[in-house]
Structures are given as structure tokens and as C-alpha cells.
């Protein structure tokens, strides 16, 4: 079955900055979607900040297997209602891939529950990404490491929860290191954070970066489909207990009444 991916892009820098527009004339989101569509197992479309409901109405998210997220300049413009909508779908099993400056996005901070802060420097320095989990599906076909000649530096401490797996660690020309490929599970959903992607450099045109993104979409996809029951908190009646029990003591809730949230 084809994996249905949506690439969400802020789409501000591409329209307001000549350097970015020159590198990504159709937008970073379009470049990423094109790279994903090079794999017949993936069908990728795009959504952007300026669209109604940021291009992510409930009906579209319900049909999305993996959401790829890039934002930078205006994280605050993303409506909280849409953030909660996306979080709900991740909990139900939709995959989420957060790219580069998306570490400060509302949805990533919502799912991580931490500040997601880091050190940074915009100097176009070389980045060497070391594969620390060579057997991981996201690193398939990458090799021992790969390099990007020009990138923005991100440095530790990266204030995120301890990941399930660290797939990449970056070294930068200035000496800093950074955990650049981290996996998480939130509810039934797989989450991957991938560091490269500063907008003034052609990172998403790089063949290895594109390979990692395709691998990540396949890894994040949950072939079992949506698990909406994860959001339920059922009040199980005494008569439906697996073993016979006798009801004792006082109660806060009437038979069948929903609990407090």
C-alpha cells in the first residue's frame, strides 16, 4: 500500500528572501515532496502555513500516514487548534517527521514536553553526520557517515527527552557536536527529528538527505493504521470485569459515567 505523506512547510522565507528563493524557487516543501515521490512506495503532497487551517483540516489528516514538518520564522502563527489536531493524530498512529528548525515548532514541543532549546551558529560550516545506529531502517544505504559542505550549526545541550534511538550524531567545523537524528514514540505514533535543513543552503537537494527522508517516511509509517481507541478512557462496569468481583466502598462516578480529565 502506498504511504500517504504530507509535507508541511511554513513557506515564508521562500517568498521573502532572495537567497532562499534562488535555492528553492518552488518552496522547500515542494522540493522535499518531489524527493519523496521519487520512491514509488510514497505518495507525497504539500500543505503550507498560509492555507486555510494551514492545509491540515481534520479530513486531510485522517487520510495522512506520515506528516513531515518544516517551520522557522513564525512558529507562533500556527493555530493551537491545528497543533492539537496533529498531536491527536500522532497519538492515534500517524507518523511525524520534524525537520531542522522545527525543533521549536509548537507540535514538537507539545509532543516532547520540554523546551527543545539548543546552541546555534549560522556560518555555513561543514557538517559531518555520523551514523550511530547502522542497522536502523532510517540509516539504510547511508554508509558510515555523510557530509554537508554548508550548514547551520546546532550544538548541545539539546533540551529534549531521551530518545528511543539516536540514529545520527553531527560534528561541525567549529567543533560542536549534536544529536541529529532522534526517534520517539508518542502514543501509537512514530516521531523522527532530523537536524539538517537550514533554508539558505541547498540541503534538501542533497541525495543522501533525500534518501534519509524517504527512509524516515517508511519507518514512521504505521501499517496497522489508526488506533483511535488510544484516546478513550472507558469506565469498565463491575459486570464486565474479567473475573467476578463484588463492588465495595464509595464511588465518585455513576454507572457508565465518564471520568474526570
Protein backbone atom coordinates (compact mmCIF):
# COMPACT_ATOMS: atom_id res chain seq x y z
CA UNK A 1 0.00 0.00 0.00
CA UNK A 2 1.30 3.46 -0.90
CA UNK A 3 2.30 5.60 2.08
CA UNK A 4 0.36 8.86 2.06
CA UNK A 5 2.69 11.66 3.17
CA UNK A 6 2.04 15.38 3.57
CA UNK A 7 4.98 17.79 3.60
CA UNK A 8 4.09 20.86 5.65
CA UNK A 9 6.15 23.99 5.05
CA UNK A 10 5.98 27.44 6.56
CA UNK A 11 6.67 28.88 3.08
CA UNK A 12 7.74 32.34 4.28
CA UNK A 13 11.47 32.53 3.56
CA UNK A 14 10.97 31.24 0.03
CA UNK A 15 8.71 34.22 -0.71
CA UNK A 16 10.60 36.92 1.17
CA UNK A 17 14.32 36.07 0.93
CA UNK A 18 16.14 36.16 -2.41
CA UNK A 19 18.77 33.63 -1.35
CA UNK A 20 16.19 31.07 -0.26
CA UNK A 21 14.02 31.72 -3.32
CA UNK A 22 17.02 31.10 -5.54
CA UNK A 23 17.68 27.72 -3.95
CA UNK A 24 14.05 26.65 -3.60
CA UNK A 25 12.04 28.56 -6.23
CA UNK A 26 9.02 26.30 -5.69
CA UNK A 27 9.46 26.17 -1.93
CA UNK A 28 11.28 23.76 0.35
CA UNK A 29 8.08 21.80 0.85
CA UNK A 30 7.83 21.16 -2.91
CA UNK A 31 11.48 20.06 -3.11
CA UNK A 32 11.01 17.62 -0.23
CA UNK A 33 7.76 16.26 -1.67
CA UNK A 34 9.42 15.71 -5.04
CA UNK A 35 12.23 13.77 -3.34
CA UNK A 36 9.72 11.59 -1.53
CA UNK A 37 7.72 10.96 -4.68
CA UNK A 38 10.85 9.53 -6.30
CA UNK A 39 10.02 6.40 -4.30
CA UNK A 40 7.03 4.52 -5.72
CA UNK A 41 6.07 3.41 -2.21
CA UNK A 42 5.36 7.03 -1.20
CA UNK A 43 2.72 9.48 -2.43
CA UNK A 44 3.57 12.95 -1.11
CA UNK A 45 1.58 16.18 -1.31
CA UNK A 46 2.16 19.56 0.35
CA UNK A 47 0.50 21.97 2.78
CA UNK A 48 1.58 25.44 3.90
CA UNK A 49 1.01 27.91 6.70
CA UNK A 50 -1.00 30.45 4.67
CA UNK A 51 -3.65 27.95 3.55
CA UNK A 52 -6.98 27.66 5.39
CA UNK A 53 -6.41 25.59 8.55
CA UNK A 54 -2.74 25.60 7.44
CA UNK A 55 -3.66 22.99 4.85
CA UNK A 56 -4.36 20.44 7.60
CA UNK A 57 -8.13 20.08 8.09
CA UNK A 58 -9.32 17.03 10.02
CA UNK A 59 -10.40 15.23 6.86
CA UNK A 60 -6.93 15.51 5.32
CA UNK A 61 -5.10 14.47 8.48
CA UNK A 62 -7.38 11.45 8.74
CA UNK A 63 -6.02 10.32 5.37
CA UNK A 64 -2.37 11.10 6.18
CA UNK A 65 0.01 8.30 7.15
CA UNK A 66 3.09 10.47 7.74
CA UNK A 67 3.37 14.24 8.22
CA UNK A 68 6.69 15.98 7.51
CA UNK A 69 7.07 19.37 9.25
CA UNK A 70 9.39 22.31 8.50
CA UNK A 71 8.97 25.71 10.18
CA UNK A 72 11.22 28.52 11.38
CA UNK A 73 10.21 32.17 11.24
CA UNK A 74 6.63 32.09 12.53
CA UNK A 75 6.02 29.07 14.75
CA UNK A 76 3.59 31.18 16.77
CA UNK A 77 1.28 31.67 13.78
CA UNK A 78 0.31 28.01 13.80
CA UNK A 79 -3.13 27.79 15.39
CA UNK A 80 -3.29 25.86 18.66
CA UNK A 81 -6.37 24.06 17.35
CA UNK A 82 -4.33 22.65 14.47
CA UNK A 83 -1.48 21.69 16.81
CA UNK A 84 -3.86 19.69 18.99
CA UNK A 85 -5.38 18.13 15.89
CA UNK A 86 -1.96 16.96 14.71
CA UNK A 87 -1.00 15.71 18.19
CA UNK A 88 -4.22 13.68 18.33
CA UNK A 89 -3.40 12.03 15.02
CA UNK A 90 0.13 11.21 16.16
CA UNK A 91 -1.26 9.59 19.31
CA UNK A 92 -3.59 7.59 17.07
CA UNK A 93 -0.69 6.34 14.95
CA UNK A 94 0.20 8.93 12.29
CA UNK A 95 3.95 9.26 11.79
CA UNK A 96 5.62 12.65 12.26
CA UNK A 97 8.99 13.80 10.91
CA UNK A 98 10.21 17.14 12.28
CA UNK A 99 12.97 18.88 10.34
CA UNK A 100 15.71 21.29 11.38
CA UNK A 101 14.25 24.46 12.98
CA UNK A 102 11.01 22.59 13.55
CA UNK A 103 12.56 21.73 16.92
CA UNK A 104 10.90 24.96 18.12
CA UNK A 105 7.57 24.23 16.46
CA UNK A 106 4.50 24.07 18.65
CA UNK A 107 3.80 20.47 17.68
CA UNK A 108 7.30 19.21 18.52
CA UNK A 109 7.36 20.98 21.88
CA UNK A 110 3.82 19.73 22.56
CA UNK A 111 4.87 16.12 21.99
CA UNK A 112 8.26 16.39 23.71
CA UNK A 113 7.06 18.34 26.78
CA UNK A 114 10.42 20.13 27.02
CA UNK A 115 11.88 23.49 25.86
CA UNK A 116 13.69 21.88 22.87
CA UNK A 117 16.40 24.57 23.09
CA UNK A 118 19.92 24.29 21.64
CA UNK A 119 23.01 26.26 20.64
CA UNK A 120 23.31 27.56 17.07
CA UNK A 121 25.54 29.47 14.67
CA UNK A 122 24.82 30.50 11.08
CA UNK A 123 28.25 30.33 9.42
CA UNK A 124 27.91 27.88 6.53
CA UNK A 125 30.29 25.40 8.12
CA UNK A 126 30.82 21.76 7.19
CA UNK A 127 28.62 19.21 8.94
CA UNK A 128 29.63 15.57 9.19
CA UNK A 129 26.77 13.29 10.19
CA UNK A 130 27.93 10.03 11.75
CA UNK A 131 25.61 7.02 11.67
CA UNK A 132 25.40 5.76 15.25
CA UNK A 133 22.82 3.05 14.57
CA UNK A 134 23.90 1.45 11.27
CA UNK A 135 21.22 -1.27 11.38
CA UNK A 136 18.39 1.24 11.77
CA UNK A 137 15.99 1.45 8.79
CA UNK A 138 16.39 5.24 8.64
CA UNK A 139 20.14 4.84 8.03
CA UNK A 140 19.78 2.19 5.33
CA UNK A 141 22.16 2.83 2.42
CA UNK A 142 23.81 5.85 4.05
CA UNK A 143 27.22 4.42 4.95
CA UNK A 144 29.40 5.24 7.95
CA UNK A 145 28.83 9.00 7.62
CA UNK A 146 27.94 11.71 5.12
CA UNK A 147 28.88 15.37 4.86
CA UNK A 148 27.13 18.63 4.04
CA UNK A 149 29.59 21.34 2.98
CA UNK A 150 27.47 24.25 4.24
CA UNK A 151 25.05 24.10 7.15
CA UNK A 152 23.91 25.98 10.22
CA UNK A 153 25.47 24.68 13.41
CA UNK A 154 23.28 23.20 16.11
CA UNK A 155 25.05 22.29 19.35
CA UNK A 156 24.33 20.54 22.61
CA UNK A 157 22.66 20.78 25.01
CA UNK A 158 19.57 19.80 23.05
CA UNK A 159 16.79 20.02 25.63
CA UNK A 160 14.66 17.09 24.52
CA UNK A 161 13.67 13.85 26.27
CA UNK A 162 15.98 10.88 26.00
CA UNK A 163 15.12 9.30 22.62
CA UNK A 164 14.28 5.70 21.86
CA UNK A 165 17.20 5.66 19.42
CA UNK A 166 19.91 8.03 18.26
CA UNK A 167 20.46 7.40 14.55
CA UNK A 168 22.84 10.29 13.70
CA UNK A 169 25.30 12.48 15.58
CA UNK A 170 26.73 15.57 13.86
CA UNK A 171 30.16 17.16 14.10
CA UNK A 172 30.60 20.74 12.91
CA UNK A 173 33.67 22.56 11.65
CA UNK A 174 33.65 24.81 14.71
CA UNK A 175 33.95 21.77 17.00
CA UNK A 176 30.42 21.34 18.33
CA UNK A 177 28.51 18.05 18.22
CA UNK A 178 24.76 17.44 18.13
CA UNK A 179 22.32 14.54 18.25
CA UNK A 180 20.93 14.97 14.75
CA UNK A 181 18.63 12.01 14.25
CA UNK A 182 16.35 11.03 17.13
CA UNK A 183 13.38 8.67 17.28
CA UNK A 184 10.45 8.73 19.67
CA UNK A 185 7.09 7.08 20.11
CA UNK A 186 4.15 9.15 21.26
CA UNK A 187 1.00 7.14 21.78
CA UNK A 188 0.82 4.86 18.74
CA UNK A 189 2.77 7.29 16.52
CA UNK A 190 6.41 7.19 15.48
CA UNK A 191 8.29 10.51 15.61
CA UNK A 192 11.67 11.30 14.00
CA UNK A 193 13.63 14.52 14.41
CA UNK A 194 16.23 15.18 11.67
CA UNK A 195 18.52 18.18 12.10
CA UNK A 196 19.82 19.28 8.63
CA UNK A 197 17.85 21.78 6.55
CA UNK A 198 18.78 25.42 7.01
CA UNK A 199 16.97 27.37 4.31
CA UNK A 200 19.92 29.38 2.94
CA UNK A 201 21.79 26.20 1.93
CA UNK A 202 20.76 23.54 -0.66
CA UNK A 203 20.44 20.76 1.93
CA UNK A 204 17.20 19.28 0.61
CA UNK A 205 18.75 18.90 -2.85
CA UNK A 206 21.39 16.57 -1.37
CA UNK A 207 20.92 12.95 -2.48
CA UNK A 208 21.80 11.43 0.90
CA UNK A 209 19.48 13.78 2.79
CA UNK A 210 16.71 12.81 0.38
CA UNK A 211 17.47 9.12 0.97
CA UNK A 212 17.23 9.63 4.75
CA UNK A 213 13.88 11.40 4.34
CA UNK A 214 12.47 8.55 2.24
CA UNK A 215 13.76 6.00 4.75
CA UNK A 216 12.26 8.03 7.60
CA UNK A 217 8.82 8.17 5.98
CA UNK A 218 8.83 4.40 5.57
CA UNK A 219 9.98 3.92 9.18
CA UNK A 220 7.41 6.36 10.60
CA UNK A 221 4.53 4.75 8.71
CA UNK A 222 2.31 2.57 10.87
CA UNK A 223 0.96 -0.19 8.58
CA UNK A 224 -1.58 -1.20 11.23
CA UNK A 225 -3.45 2.04 10.64
CA UNK A 226 -5.10 4.42 13.07
CA UNK A 227 -5.69 3.44 16.71
CA UNK A 228 -8.33 5.96 17.85
CA UNK A 229 -9.15 3.85 20.91
CA UNK A 230 -5.90 5.07 22.48
CA UNK A 231 -7.71 8.33 23.28
CA UNK A 232 -10.51 6.59 25.17
CA UNK A 233 -10.61 6.16 28.94
CA UNK A 234 -13.53 3.73 29.39
CA UNK A 235 -15.30 3.22 32.71
CA UNK A 236 -15.44 -0.57 32.88
CA UNK A 237 -18.56 -1.75 34.77
CA UNK A 238 -18.30 -4.37 37.50
CA UNK A 239 -20.27 -6.91 35.49
CA UNK A 240 -17.71 -6.73 32.67
CA UNK A 241 -14.70 -7.46 34.86
CA UNK A 242 -12.70 -10.45 33.60
CA UNK A 243 -13.08 -12.14 36.98
CA UNK A 244 -16.15 -11.98 39.27
CA UNK A 245 -15.83 -9.16 41.79
CA UNK A 246 -18.08 -7.54 44.39
CA UNK A 247 -18.46 -3.77 44.34
CA UNK A 248 -17.35 -2.21 47.64
CA UNK A 249 -16.83 1.25 49.05
CA UNK A 250 -17.95 4.66 47.91
CA UNK A 251 -17.94 5.93 44.34
CA UNK A 252 -17.37 9.25 42.61
CA UNK A 253 -18.96 8.24 39.32
CA UNK A 254 -22.32 6.81 38.39
CA UNK A 255 -22.58 3.66 36.30
CA UNK A 256 -21.21 4.40 32.80
CA UNK A 257 -20.27 7.99 33.62
CA UNK A 258 -17.11 9.39 32.04
CA UNK A 259 -14.21 10.15 34.34
CA UNK A 260 -12.59 13.50 35.07
CA UNK A 261 -9.95 14.80 32.60
